[in-house]
C-alpha cells in the first residue's frame, strides 16, 4: 500500500494549487505539515501563474492498495 500527502494551497487569485509528496513519514502530524505549508507561503517558495501562494486550503493523506 502506498500513501500520498497532498498539500492544497490557494493562490492570491483564490485558485487551488496542489503539492503532493509520495510516501510521507508515518508519524507526521497535521501541525507539522501546516507549519511547513505556512513556511512555503511566507518564504514565497512557489509562484503560480496567478501569483504567490496565499493560504493553506487543505491537508490530505490518501492510501492506494494494489489489487492482487
PDB file of N, CA and C in Angstrom:
ATOM      1  N   UNK A   1       0.852  -1.171   0.000  1.00  0.00           N
ATOM      2  CA  UNK A   1       0.000   0.000   0.000  1.00  0.00           C
ATOM      3  C   UNK A   1       0.898   1.234   0.000  1.00  0.00           C
ATOM      4  N   UNK A   2       0.575   2.193  -0.850  1.00  0.00           N
ATOM      5  CA  UNK A   2       1.339   3.435  -0.885  1.00  0.00           C
ATOM      6  C   UNK A   2       0.468   4.587  -0.390  1.00  0.00           C
ATOM      7  N   UNK A   3       1.128   5.576   0.199  1.00  0.00           N
ATOM      8  CA  UNK A   3       0.421   6.754   0.706  1.00  0.00           C
ATOM      9  C   UNK A   3       0.945   7.995   0.001  1.00  0.00           C
ATOM     10  N   UNK A   4       0.078   8.978  -0.113  1.00  0.00           N
ATOM     11  CA  UNK A   4       0.451  10.267  -0.689  1.00  0.00           C
ATOM     12  C   UNK A   4      -0.080  11.376   0.205  1.00  0.00           C
ATOM     13  N   UNK A   5       0.786  12.315   0.535  1.00  0.00           N
ATOM     14  CA  UNK A   5       0.404  13.508   1.274  1.00  0.00           C
ATOM     15  C   UNK A   5       0.114  14.589   0.249  1.00  0.00           C
ATOM     16  N   UNK A   6      -1.048  15.191   0.333  1.00  0.00           N
ATOM     17  CA  UNK A   6      -1.426  16.246  -0.594  1.00  0.00           C
ATOM     18  C   UNK A   6      -1.629  17.543   0.189  1.00  0.00           C
ATOM     19  N   UNK A   7      -0.832  18.543  -0.165  1.00  0.00           N
ATOM     20  CA  UNK A   7      -0.931  19.858   0.454  1.00  0.00           C
ATOM     21  C   UNK A   7      -1.633  20.771  -0.543  1.00  0.00           C
ATOM     22  N   UNK A   8      -2.767  21.325  -0.147  1.00  0.00           N
ATOM     23  CA  UNK A   8      -3.571  22.149  -1.043  1.00  0.00           C
ATOM     24  C   UNK A   8      -3.501  23.601  -0.562  1.00  0.00           C
ATOM     25  N   UNK A   9      -3.117  24.467  -1.478  1.00  0.00           N
ATOM     26  CA  UNK A   9      -2.986  25.896  -1.200  1.00  0.00           C
ATOM     27  C   UNK A   9      -3.993  26.666  -2.041  1.00  0.00           C
ATOM     28  N   UNK A  10      -4.258  27.909  -1.660  1.00  0.00           N
ATOM     29  CA  UNK A  10      -4.953  28.858  -2.523  1.00  0.00           C
ATOM     30  C   UNK A  10      -3.949  29.944  -2.864  1.00  0.00           C
ATOM     31  N   UNK A  11      -3.963  30.365  -4.138  1.00  0.00           N
ATOM     32  CA  UNK A  11      -3.085  31.464  -4.532  1.00  0.00           C
ATOM     33  C   UNK A  11      -3.823  32.792  -4.353  1.00  0.00           C
ATOM     34  N   UNK A  12      -3.168  33.880  -4.692  1.00  0.00           N
ATOM     35  CA  UNK A  12      -3.767  35.200  -4.461  1.00  0.00           C
ATOM     36  C   UNK A  12      -5.035  35.422  -5.275  1.00  0.00           C
ATOM     37  N   UNK A  13      -5.237  34.640  -6.328  1.00  0.00           N
ATOM     38  CA  UNK A  13      -6.453  34.742  -7.138  1.00  0.00           C
ATOM     39  C   UNK A  13      -7.557  33.812  -6.632  1.00  0.00           C
ATOM     40  N   UNK A  14      -7.260  33.049  -5.561  1.00  0.00           N
ATOM     41  CA  UNK A  14      -8.256  32.150  -4.993  1.00  0.00           C
ATOM     42  C   UNK A  14      -8.316  30.780  -5.650  1.00  0.00           C
ATOM     43  N   UNK A  15      -7.403  30.497  -6.574  1.00  0.00           N
ATOM     44  CA  UNK A  15      -7.374  29.190  -7.235  1.00  0.00           C
ATOM     45  C   UNK A  15      -6.539  28.225  -6.410  1.00  0.00           C
ATOM     46  N   UNK A  16      -6.943  26.947  -6.393  1.00  0.00           N
ATOM     47  CA  UNK A  16      -6.216  25.958  -5.609  1.00  0.00           C
ATOM     48  C   UNK A  16      -5.028  25.410  -6.378  1.00  0.00           C
ATOM     49  N   UNK A  17      -3.972  25.142  -5.647  1.00  0.00           N
ATOM     50  CA  UNK A  17      -2.740  24.556  -6.177  1.00  0.00           C
ATOM     51  C   UNK A  17      -2.333  23.433  -5.233  1.00  0.00           C
ATOM     52  N   UNK A  18      -1.933  22.298  -5.798  1.00  0.00           N
ATOM     53  CA  UNK A  18      -1.594  21.124  -5.001  1.00  0.00           C
ATOM     54  C   UNK A  18      -0.113  20.795  -5.101  1.00  0.00           C
ATOM     55  N   UNK A  19       0.439  20.353  -3.984  1.00  0.00           N
ATOM     56  CA  UNK A  19       1.777  19.780  -3.946  1.00  0.00           C
ATOM     57  C   UNK A  19       1.624  18.421  -3.282  1.00  0.00           C
ATOM     58  N   UNK A  20       2.089  17.372  -3.962  1.00  0.00           N
ATOM     59  CA  UNK A  20       1.957  16.009  -3.443  1.00  0.00           C
ATOM     60  C   UNK A  20       3.324  15.448  -3.086  1.00  0.00           C
ATOM     61  N   UNK A  21       3.349  14.670  -2.010  1.00  0.00           N
ATOM     62  CA  UNK A  21       4.571  14.004  -1.551  1.00  0.00           C
ATOM     63  C   UNK A  21       4.262  12.525  -1.401  1.00  0.00           C
ATOM     64  N   UNK A  22       5.001  11.698  -2.128  1.00  0.00           N
ATOM     65  CA  UNK A  22       4.806  10.250  -2.050  1.00  0.00           C
ATOM     66  C   UNK A  22       5.432   9.705  -0.771  1.00  0.00           C
ATOM     67  N   UNK A  23       4.771   8.735  -0.182  1.00  0.00           N
ATOM     68  CA  UNK A  23       5.258   8.011   0.994  1.00  0.00           C
ATOM     69  C   UNK A  23       5.732   8.928   2.121  1.00  0.00           C
ATOM     70  N   UNK A  24       4.827   9.751   2.666  1.00  0.00           N
ATOM     71  CA  UNK A  24       5.221  10.618   3.781  1.00  0.00           C
ATOM     72  C   UNK A  24       5.556   9.791   5.019  1.00  0.00           C
ATOM     73  N   UNK A  25       6.289  10.396   5.911  1.00  0.00           N
ATOM     74  CA  UNK A  25       6.660   9.752   7.171  1.00  0.00           C
ATOM     75  C   UNK A  25       5.397   9.276   7.892  1.00  0.00           C
ATOM     76  N   UNK A  26       5.412   8.091   8.447  1.00  0.00           N
ATOM     77  CA  UNK A  26       4.238   7.501   9.092  1.00  0.00           C
ATOM     78  C   UNK A  26       3.732   8.320  10.283  1.00  0.00           C
ATOM     79  N   UNK A  27       4.634   8.945  11.027  1.00  0.00           N
ATOM     80  CA  UNK A  27       4.230   9.647  12.251  1.00  0.00           C
ATOM     81  C   UNK A  27       4.071  11.159  12.051  1.00  0.00           C
ATOM     82  N   UNK A  28       3.964  11.605  10.803  1.00  0.00           N
ATOM     83  CA  UNK A  28       3.826  13.039  10.543  1.00  0.00           C
ATOM     84  C   UNK A  28       2.484  13.542  11.076  1.00  0.00           C
ATOM     85  N   UNK A  29       2.495  14.754  11.597  1.00  0.00           N
ATOM     86  CA  UNK A  29       1.263  15.314  12.165  1.00  0.00           C
ATOM     87  C   UNK A  29       0.735  16.452  11.293  1.00  0.00           C
ATOM     88  N   UNK A  30      -0.529  16.740  11.470  1.00  0.00           N
ATOM     89  CA  UNK A  30      -1.157  17.847  10.747  1.00  0.00           C
ATOM     90  C   UNK A  30      -0.460  19.164  11.092  1.00  0.00           C
ATOM     91  N   UNK A  31      -0.095  19.329  12.350  1.00  0.00           N
ATOM     92  CA  UNK A  31       0.575  20.558  12.783  1.00  0.00           C
ATOM     93  C   UNK A  31       1.914  20.733  12.074  1.00  0.00           C
ATOM     94  N   UNK A  32       2.668  19.651  11.903  1.00  0.00           N
ATOM     95  CA  UNK A  32       3.948  19.724  11.198  1.00  0.00           C
ATOM     96  C   UNK A  32       3.745  20.136   9.739  1.00  0.00           C
ATOM     97  N   UNK A  33       2.783  19.501   9.085  1.00  0.00           N
ATOM     98  CA  UNK A  33       2.524  19.798   7.678  1.00  0.00           C
ATOM     99  C   UNK A  33       2.049  21.238   7.516  1.00  0.00           C
ATOM    100  N   UNK A  34       1.139  21.664   8.376  1.00  0.00           N
ATOM    101  CA  UNK A  34       0.634  23.036   8.294  1.00  0.00           C
ATOM    102  C   UNK A  34       1.763  24.040   8.497  1.00  0.00           C
ATOM    103  N   UNK A  35       2.678  23.747   9.418  1.00  0.00           N
ATOM    104  CA  UNK A  35       3.826  24.629   9.647  1.00  0.00           C
ATOM    105  C   UNK A  35       4.713  24.741   8.422  1.00  0.00           C
ATOM    106  N   UNK A  36       4.946  23.624   7.756  1.00  0.00           N
ATOM    107  CA  UNK A  36       5.746  23.638   6.530  1.00  0.00           C
ATOM    108  C   UNK A  36       5.027  24.431   5.448  1.00  0.00           C
ATOM    109  N   UNK A  37       3.736  24.201   5.317  1.00  0.00           N
ATOM    110  CA  UNK A  37       2.956  24.913   4.301  1.00  0.00           C
ATOM    111  C   UNK A  37       2.984  26.420   4.539  1.00  0.00           C
ATOM    112  N   UNK A  38       2.812  26.827   5.786  1.00  0.00           N
ATOM    113  CA  UNK A  38       2.851  28.250   6.116  1.00  0.00           C
ATOM    114  C   UNK A  38       4.233  28.840   5.826  1.00  0.00           C
ATOM    115  N   UNK A  39       5.275  28.035   6.064  1.00  0.00           N
ATOM    116  CA  UNK A  39       6.637  28.472   5.746  1.00  0.00           C
ATOM    117  C   UNK A  39       6.836  28.671   4.252  1.00  0.00           C
ATOM    118  N   UNK A  40       6.266  27.766   3.445  1.00  0.00           N
ATOM    119  CA  UNK A  40       6.365  27.904   1.988  1.00  0.00           C
ATOM    120  C   UNK A  40       5.670  29.181   1.521  1.00  0.00           C
ATOM    121  N   UNK A  41       4.540  29.499   2.151  1.00  0.00           N
ATOM    122  CA  UNK A  41       3.816  30.727   1.804  1.00  0.00           C
ATOM    123  C   UNK A  41       4.635  31.946   2.210  1.00  0.00           C
ATOM    124  N   UNK A  42       5.117  31.964   3.442  1.00  0.00           N
ATOM    125  CA  UNK A  42       5.886  33.102   3.967  1.00  0.00           C
ATOM    126  C   UNK A  42       7.153  33.345   3.147  1.00  0.00           C
ATOM    127  N   UNK A  43       7.845  32.254   2.792  1.00  0.00           N
ATOM    128  CA  UNK A  43       9.101  32.363   2.041  1.00  0.00           C
ATOM    129  C   UNK A  43       8.891  32.601   0.543  1.00  0.00           C
ATOM    130  N   UNK A  44       7.623  32.574   0.121  1.00  0.00           N
ATOM    131  CA  UNK A  44       7.297  32.735  -1.309  1.00  0.00           C
ATOM    132  C   UNK A  44       8.107  31.748  -2.145  1.00  0.00           C
ATOM    133  N   UNK A  45       8.122  30.493  -1.667  1.00  0.00           N
ATOM    134  CA  UNK A  45       8.908  29.443  -2.310  1.00  0.00           C
ATOM    135  C   UNK A  45       8.363  29.046  -3.675  1.00  0.00           C
ATOM    136  N   UNK A  46       7.066  29.219  -3.890  1.00  0.00           N
ATOM    137  CA  UNK A  46       6.444  28.877  -5.166  1.00  0.00           C
ATOM    138  C   UNK A  46       5.600  30.050  -5.643  1.00  0.00           C
ATOM    139  N   UNK A  47       5.662  30.301  -6.936  1.00  0.00           N
ATOM    140  CA  UNK A  47       4.840  31.326  -7.558  1.00  0.00           C
ATOM    141  C   UNK A  47       4.029  30.654  -8.654  1.00  0.00           C
ATOM    142  N   UNK A  48       2.736  30.915  -8.686  1.00  0.00           N
ATOM    143  CA  UNK A  48       1.871  30.327  -9.706  1.00  0.00           C
ATOM    144  C   UNK A  48       1.661  31.334 -10.838  1.00  0.00           C
ATOM    145  N   UNK A  49       0.973  30.904 -11.863  1.00  0.00           N
ATOM    146  CA  UNK A  49       0.659  31.832 -12.953  1.00  0.00           C
ATOM    147  C   UNK A  49      -0.246  32.966 -12.477  1.00  0.00           C
ATOM    148  N   UNK A  50      -0.925  32.751 -11.341  1.00  0.00           N
ATOM    149  CA  UNK A  50      -1.797  33.770 -10.758  1.00  0.00           C
ATOM    150  C   UNK A  50      -1.115  34.553  -9.644  1.00  0.00           C
ATOM    151  N   UNK A  51       0.151  34.278  -9.371  1.00  0.00           N
ATOM    152  CA  UNK A  51       0.868  34.977  -8.310  1.00  0.00           C
ATOM    153  C   UNK A  51       1.266  34.040  -7.180  1.00  0.00           C
ATOM    154  N   UNK A  52       1.563  34.624  -6.038  1.00  0.00           N
ATOM    155  CA  UNK A  52       2.054  33.863  -4.886  1.00  0.00           C
ATOM    156  C   UNK A  52       0.972  32.986  -4.266  1.00  0.00           C
ATOM    157  N   UNK A  53       1.429  31.937  -3.561  1.00  0.00           N
ATOM    158  CA  UNK A  53       0.512  31.165  -2.724  1.00  0.00           C
ATOM    159  C   UNK A  53       0.088  32.060  -1.575  1.00  0.00           C
ATOM    160  N   UNK A  54      -1.180  31.975  -1.173  1.00  0.00           N
ATOM    161  CA  UNK A  54      -1.697  32.915  -0.180  1.00  0.00           C
ATOM    162  C   UNK A  54      -2.171  32.263   1.108  1.00  0.00           C
ATOM    163  N   UNK A  55      -2.692  31.030   1.042  1.00  0.00           N
ATOM    164  CA  UNK A  55      -3.220  30.414   2.261  1.00  0.00           C
ATOM    165  C   UNK A  55      -3.251  28.893   2.139  1.00  0.00           C
ATOM    166  N   UNK A  56      -3.284  28.242   3.313  1.00  0.00           N
ATOM    167  CA  UNK A  56      -3.441  26.797   3.391  1.00  0.00           C
ATOM    168  C   UNK A  56      -4.918  26.490   3.176  1.00  0.00           C
ATOM    169  N   UNK A  57      -5.205  25.584   2.256  1.00  0.00           N
ATOM    170  CA  UNK A  57      -6.590  25.236   1.971  1.00  0.00           C
ATOM    171  C   UNK A  57      -6.974  23.885   2.575  1.00  0.00           C
ATOM    172  N   UNK A  58      -6.113  22.873   2.394  1.00  0.00           N
ATOM    173  CA  UNK A  58      -6.424  21.533   2.908  1.00  0.00           C
ATOM    174  C   UNK A  58      -5.158  20.701   3.018  1.00  0.00           C
ATOM    175  N   UNK A  59      -5.234  19.700   3.878  1.00  0.00           N
ATOM    176  CA  UNK A  59      -4.164  18.718   4.028  1.00  0.00           C
ATOM    177  C   UNK A  59      -4.826  17.353   3.959  1.00  0.00           C
ATOM    178  N   UNK A  60      -4.356  16.514   3.044  1.00  0.00           N
ATOM    179  CA  UNK A  60      -4.963  15.192   2.866  1.00  0.00           C
ATOM    180  C   UNK A  60      -3.884  14.118   2.790  1.00  0.00           C
ATOM    181  N   UNK A  61      -4.220  12.929   3.271  1.00  0.00           N
ATOM    182  CA  UNK A  61      -3.391  11.753   3.063  1.00  0.00           C
ATOM    183  C   UNK A  61      -4.281  10.695   2.436  1.00  0.00           C
ATOM    184  N   UNK A  62      -3.820  10.162   1.314  1.00  0.00           N
ATOM    185  CA  UNK A  62      -4.589   9.108   0.663  1.00  0.00           C
ATOM    186  C   UNK A  62      -3.751   7.845   0.590  1.00  0.00           C
ATOM    187  N   UNK A  63      -4.420   6.713   0.640  1.00  0.00           N
ATOM    188  CA  UNK A  63      -3.764   5.408   0.554  1.00  0.00           C
ATOM    189  C   UNK A  63      -4.265   4.687  -0.679  1.00  0.00           C
ATOM    190  N   UNK A  64      -3.353   4.001  -1.351  1.00  0.00           N
ATOM    191  CA  UNK A  64      -3.699   3.221  -2.525  1.00  0.00           C
ATOM    192  C   UNK A  64      -3.206   1.802  -2.301  1.00  0.00           C
ATOM    193  N   UNK A  65      -4.105   0.876  -2.486  1.00  0.00           N
ATOM    194  CA  UNK A  65      -3.739  -0.528  -2.333  1.00  0.00           C
ATOM    195  C   UNK A  65      -3.939  -1.215  -3.687  1.00  0.00           C
ATOM    196  N   UNK A  66      -2.889  -1.861  -4.178  1.00  0.00           N
ATOM    197  CA  UNK A  66      -2.965  -2.574  -5.444  1.00  0.00           C
ATOM    198  C   UNK A  66      -3.796  -3.825  -5.266  1.00  0.00           C
ATOM    199  N   UNK A  67      -4.624  -4.108  -6.262  1.00  0.00           N
ATOM    200  CA  UNK A  67      -5.393  -5.347  -6.261  1.00  0.00           C
ATOM    201  C   UNK A  67      -4.492  -6.509  -6.639  1.00  0.00           C
ATOM    202  N   UNK A  68      -4.729  -7.635  -6.044  1.00  0.00           N
ATOM    203  CA  UNK A  68      -3.909  -8.814  -6.335  1.00  0.00           C
ATOM    204  C   UNK A  68      -4.346  -9.491  -7.601  1.00  0.00           C
TER     205      UNK A  68
END
